[in-house]
Structures are given as C-alpha cells and as structure tokens.
C-alpha cells in the first residue's frame, strides 16, 4: 500500500512505514537526540531506531507506543493521514 503525499507541489507515493519513520526521525531531531541517545532513553538498540526511521521495519503496536512516547507525541500523530 502506498500513500500519496503532496509536498512543494509534487505528488509522490510513499510507503506508510517510511512516512511513520520520517515522523519519528523529525521528533527525535526536534529533541536534539542522536539515535543512540534516543534508543537508550526508550530501552532499545540504535539499530532498531535506524531501521524504523528508514522505514525498513513494520512496527508492532507496542513499539509504536514506545517510539511515540519517546518523542512526546500522541501515537495517532504518527499515523495521521495514512
């Protein structure tokens, strides 16, 4: 399944997990955290953080909740417009 996304007047097809990963990355960077620091904060490995942010990993509900809590947003924000 692909999601159509309009950005700067361009329409692009995006994998939902890639869009969720980008939102997680944006939140982590907004907090000024490296992948390593974020991983330590939420109790996972930086490799998992990296895979999720690149959209290479389908998230379980528990993982989605963990990552959303780590960046201080409601989990529904990660799934908005999907």
N, C-alpha and C. Protein backbone atom coordinates (compact mmCIF):
# COMPACT_ATOMS: atom_id res chain seq x y z
N UNK A 1 0.84 -1.17 0.00
CA UNK A 1 0.00 0.00 0.00
C UNK A 1 0.89 1.24 0.00
N UNK A 2 0.52 2.21 -0.80
CA UNK A 2 1.24 3.47 -0.86
C UNK A 2 0.31 4.60 -0.47
N UNK A 3 0.87 5.64 0.08
CA UNK A 3 0.14 6.85 0.43
C UNK A 3 0.61 7.94 -0.51
N UNK A 4 -0.33 8.68 -1.10
CA UNK A 4 0.06 9.81 -1.94
C UNK A 4 0.28 11.01 -1.05
N UNK A 5 1.40 11.67 -1.27
CA UNK A 5 1.78 12.81 -0.45
C UNK A 5 2.14 13.97 -1.37
N UNK A 6 1.61 15.15 -1.07
CA UNK A 6 1.92 16.34 -1.85
C UNK A 6 2.86 17.21 -1.04
N UNK A 7 4.01 17.53 -1.65
CA UNK A 7 4.98 18.37 -0.98
C UNK A 7 5.63 19.25 -2.03
N UNK A 8 5.64 20.53 -1.79
CA UNK A 8 6.21 21.51 -2.72
C UNK A 8 5.61 21.36 -4.12
N UNK A 9 4.29 21.10 -4.17
CA UNK A 9 3.60 20.99 -5.44
C UNK A 9 3.83 19.69 -6.18
N UNK A 10 4.58 18.77 -5.59
CA UNK A 10 4.86 17.48 -6.21
C UNK A 10 4.07 16.39 -5.50
N UNK A 11 3.54 15.45 -6.28
CA UNK A 11 2.83 14.31 -5.70
C UNK A 11 3.78 13.12 -5.73
N UNK A 12 3.91 12.46 -4.60
CA UNK A 12 4.80 11.30 -4.51
C UNK A 12 4.08 10.18 -3.78
N UNK A 13 4.37 8.97 -4.19
CA UNK A 13 3.85 7.79 -3.49
C UNK A 13 4.86 7.40 -2.41
N UNK A 14 4.38 7.24 -1.20
CA UNK A 14 5.25 6.96 -0.06
C UNK A 14 4.72 5.74 0.68
N UNK A 15 5.61 4.85 1.07
CA UNK A 15 5.23 3.73 1.93
C UNK A 15 4.81 4.28 3.29
N UNK A 16 3.70 3.80 3.85
CA UNK A 16 3.28 4.29 5.17
C UNK A 16 4.35 4.15 6.24
N UNK A 17 5.08 3.02 6.23
CA UNK A 17 6.10 2.86 7.28
C UNK A 17 7.25 3.85 7.11
N UNK A 18 7.51 4.27 5.87
CA UNK A 18 8.55 5.29 5.64
C UNK A 18 8.08 6.64 6.17
N UNK A 19 6.79 6.93 6.00
CA UNK A 19 6.24 8.18 6.50
C UNK A 19 6.25 8.21 8.03
N UNK A 20 5.88 7.10 8.65
CA UNK A 20 5.93 7.00 10.12
C UNK A 20 7.38 7.15 10.59
N UNK A 21 8.30 6.50 9.91
CA UNK A 21 9.71 6.60 10.27
C UNK A 21 10.23 8.02 10.18
N UNK A 22 9.81 8.75 9.14
CA UNK A 22 10.24 10.13 9.00
C UNK A 22 9.68 10.99 10.13
N UNK A 23 8.46 10.72 10.53
CA UNK A 23 7.87 11.48 11.65
C UNK A 23 8.61 11.20 12.95
N UNK A 24 9.02 9.96 13.13
CA UNK A 24 9.81 9.62 14.33
C UNK A 24 11.15 10.34 14.28
N UNK A 25 11.82 10.29 13.13
CA UNK A 25 13.11 10.98 12.99
C UNK A 25 12.96 12.48 13.26
N UNK A 26 11.92 13.08 12.69
CA UNK A 26 11.69 14.52 12.91
C UNK A 26 11.52 14.83 14.39
N UNK A 27 10.76 13.98 15.10
CA UNK A 27 10.56 14.19 16.53
C UNK A 27 11.84 14.03 17.32
N UNK A 28 12.61 13.01 16.98
CA UNK A 28 13.89 12.76 17.68
C UNK A 28 14.83 13.94 17.47
N UNK A 29 14.93 14.40 16.22
CA UNK A 29 15.83 15.51 15.92
C UNK A 29 15.35 16.81 16.57
N UNK A 30 14.03 16.98 16.65
CA UNK A 30 13.47 18.17 17.31
C UNK A 30 13.91 18.21 18.78
N UNK A 31 14.06 17.03 19.38
CA UNK A 31 14.52 16.94 20.76
C UNK A 31 16.04 17.02 20.89
N UNK A 32 16.73 17.03 19.76
CA UNK A 32 18.19 17.12 19.78
C UNK A 32 18.87 15.84 20.20
N UNK A 33 18.22 14.70 19.96
CA UNK A 33 18.77 13.41 20.38
C UNK A 33 19.39 12.67 19.20
N UNK A 34 20.53 12.05 19.45
CA UNK A 34 21.10 11.13 18.47
C UNK A 34 20.28 9.85 18.50
N UNK A 35 20.48 9.00 17.49
CA UNK A 35 19.80 7.70 17.50
C UNK A 35 20.22 6.90 18.73
N UNK A 36 21.48 6.98 19.09
CA UNK A 36 21.97 6.24 20.24
C UNK A 36 21.32 6.72 21.54
N UNK A 37 21.26 8.04 21.72
CA UNK A 37 20.67 8.59 22.94
C UNK A 37 19.17 8.28 23.02
N UNK A 38 18.50 8.38 21.88
CA UNK A 38 17.07 8.07 21.85
C UNK A 38 16.82 6.60 22.16
N UNK A 39 17.64 5.73 21.57
CA UNK A 39 17.50 4.29 21.81
C UNK A 39 17.68 3.98 23.29
N UNK A 40 18.68 4.59 23.90
CA UNK A 40 18.91 4.36 25.33
C UNK A 40 17.74 4.86 26.16
N UNK A 41 17.20 6.00 25.78
CA UNK A 41 16.07 6.59 26.50
C UNK A 41 14.84 5.68 26.48
N UNK A 42 14.59 5.03 25.33
CA UNK A 42 13.38 4.20 25.23
C UNK A 42 13.66 2.71 25.45
N UNK A 43 14.92 2.35 25.67
CA UNK A 43 15.24 0.97 26.00
C UNK A 43 15.30 0.03 24.82
N UNK A 44 15.86 0.49 23.73
CA UNK A 44 16.03 -0.35 22.55
C UNK A 44 17.41 -0.11 21.97
N UNK A 45 17.71 -0.71 20.84
CA UNK A 45 19.02 -0.53 20.22
C UNK A 45 18.97 0.59 19.19
N UNK A 46 20.12 1.21 18.95
CA UNK A 46 20.15 2.25 17.93
C UNK A 46 19.91 1.66 16.55
N UNK A 47 20.21 0.37 16.37
CA UNK A 47 19.95 -0.29 15.09
C UNK A 47 18.45 -0.35 14.81
N UNK A 48 17.67 -0.64 15.85
CA UNK A 48 16.22 -0.66 15.66
C UNK A 48 15.70 0.73 15.34
N UNK A 49 16.20 1.73 16.03
CA UNK A 49 15.79 3.10 15.75
C UNK A 49 16.11 3.44 14.30
N UNK A 50 17.29 3.09 13.85
CA UNK A 50 17.70 3.36 12.48
C UNK A 50 16.79 2.67 11.47
N UNK A 51 16.49 1.39 11.70
CA UNK A 51 15.61 0.64 10.77
C UNK A 51 14.21 1.24 10.72
N UNK A 52 13.69 1.62 11.87
CA UNK A 52 12.35 2.21 11.93
C UNK A 52 12.34 3.55 11.19
N UNK A 53 13.34 4.39 11.44
CA UNK A 53 13.38 5.69 10.79
C UNK A 53 13.54 5.59 9.28
N UNK A 54 14.20 4.56 8.81
CA UNK A 54 14.36 4.36 7.36
C UNK A 54 13.17 3.65 6.73
N UNK A 55 12.19 3.28 7.54
CA UNK A 55 11.00 2.61 7.03
C UNK A 55 11.24 1.17 6.66
N UNK A 56 12.24 0.54 7.26
CA UNK A 56 12.58 -0.84 6.95
C UNK A 56 11.95 -1.83 7.92
N UNK A 57 11.21 -1.35 8.86
CA UNK A 57 10.70 -2.21 9.94
C UNK A 57 9.22 -1.92 10.14
N UNK A 58 8.37 -2.94 10.02
CA UNK A 58 6.96 -2.79 10.37
C UNK A 58 6.85 -2.74 11.89
N UNK A 59 6.12 -1.77 12.38
CA UNK A 59 6.02 -1.57 13.82
C UNK A 59 4.86 -2.34 14.43
N UNK A 60 5.14 -2.99 15.54
CA UNK A 60 4.07 -3.54 16.37
C UNK A 60 3.46 -2.38 17.14
N UNK A 61 2.26 -2.58 17.63
CA UNK A 61 1.60 -1.54 18.40
C UNK A 61 2.44 -1.11 19.60
N UNK A 62 3.01 -2.07 20.30
CA UNK A 62 3.81 -1.74 21.49
C UNK A 62 5.03 -0.89 21.12
N UNK A 63 5.62 -1.16 19.97
CA UNK A 63 6.78 -0.38 19.52
C UNK A 63 6.35 1.01 19.10
N UNK A 64 5.23 1.11 18.40
CA UNK A 64 4.70 2.42 18.01
C UNK A 64 4.45 3.28 19.24
N UNK A 65 3.86 2.68 20.27
CA UNK A 65 3.60 3.42 21.51
C UNK A 65 4.89 3.85 22.19
N UNK A 66 5.88 2.98 22.18
CA UNK A 66 7.18 3.27 22.79
C UNK A 66 7.86 4.46 22.09
N UNK A 67 7.89 4.42 20.76
CA UNK A 67 8.55 5.48 20.00
C UNK A 67 7.80 6.80 20.14
N UNK A 68 6.46 6.76 20.07
CA UNK A 68 5.67 7.98 20.22
C UNK A 68 5.90 8.60 21.59
N UNK A 69 5.88 7.77 22.63
CA UNK A 69 6.14 8.28 23.98
C UNK A 69 7.53 8.87 24.11
N UNK A 70 8.49 8.26 23.44
CA UNK A 70 9.87 8.74 23.50
C UNK A 70 10.05 10.12 22.90
N UNK A 71 9.22 10.45 21.91
CA UNK A 71 9.34 11.79 21.30
C UNK A 71 8.24 12.72 21.81
N UNK A 72 7.42 12.22 22.74
CA UNK A 72 6.44 13.07 23.41
C UNK A 72 5.24 13.46 22.57
N UNK A 73 4.78 12.56 21.71
CA UNK A 73 3.59 12.87 20.92
C UNK A 73 2.56 11.76 21.08
N UNK A 74 1.33 12.07 20.75
CA UNK A 74 0.27 11.07 20.74
C UNK A 74 0.54 10.11 19.59
N UNK A 75 0.41 8.80 19.82
CA UNK A 75 0.67 7.83 18.75
C UNK A 75 -0.14 8.08 17.48
N UNK A 76 -1.31 8.65 17.63
CA UNK A 76 -2.15 8.93 16.45
C UNK A 76 -1.47 9.91 15.49
N UNK A 77 -0.59 10.76 16.00
CA UNK A 77 0.12 11.71 15.14
C UNK A 77 1.06 10.99 14.18
N UNK A 78 1.60 9.85 14.60
CA UNK A 78 2.48 9.08 13.72
C UNK A 78 1.70 8.45 12.57
N UNK A 79 0.39 8.23 12.79
CA UNK A 79 -0.44 7.56 11.80
C UNK A 79 -1.36 8.52 11.03
N UNK A 80 -1.24 9.79 11.31
CA UNK A 80 -2.10 10.80 10.68
C UNK A 80 -2.02 10.71 9.16
N UNK A 81 -3.17 10.75 8.51
CA UNK A 81 -3.30 10.78 7.04
C UNK A 81 -2.82 9.50 6.36
N UNK A 82 -2.75 8.41 7.06
CA UNK A 82 -2.34 7.15 6.42
C UNK A 82 -3.55 6.36 5.98
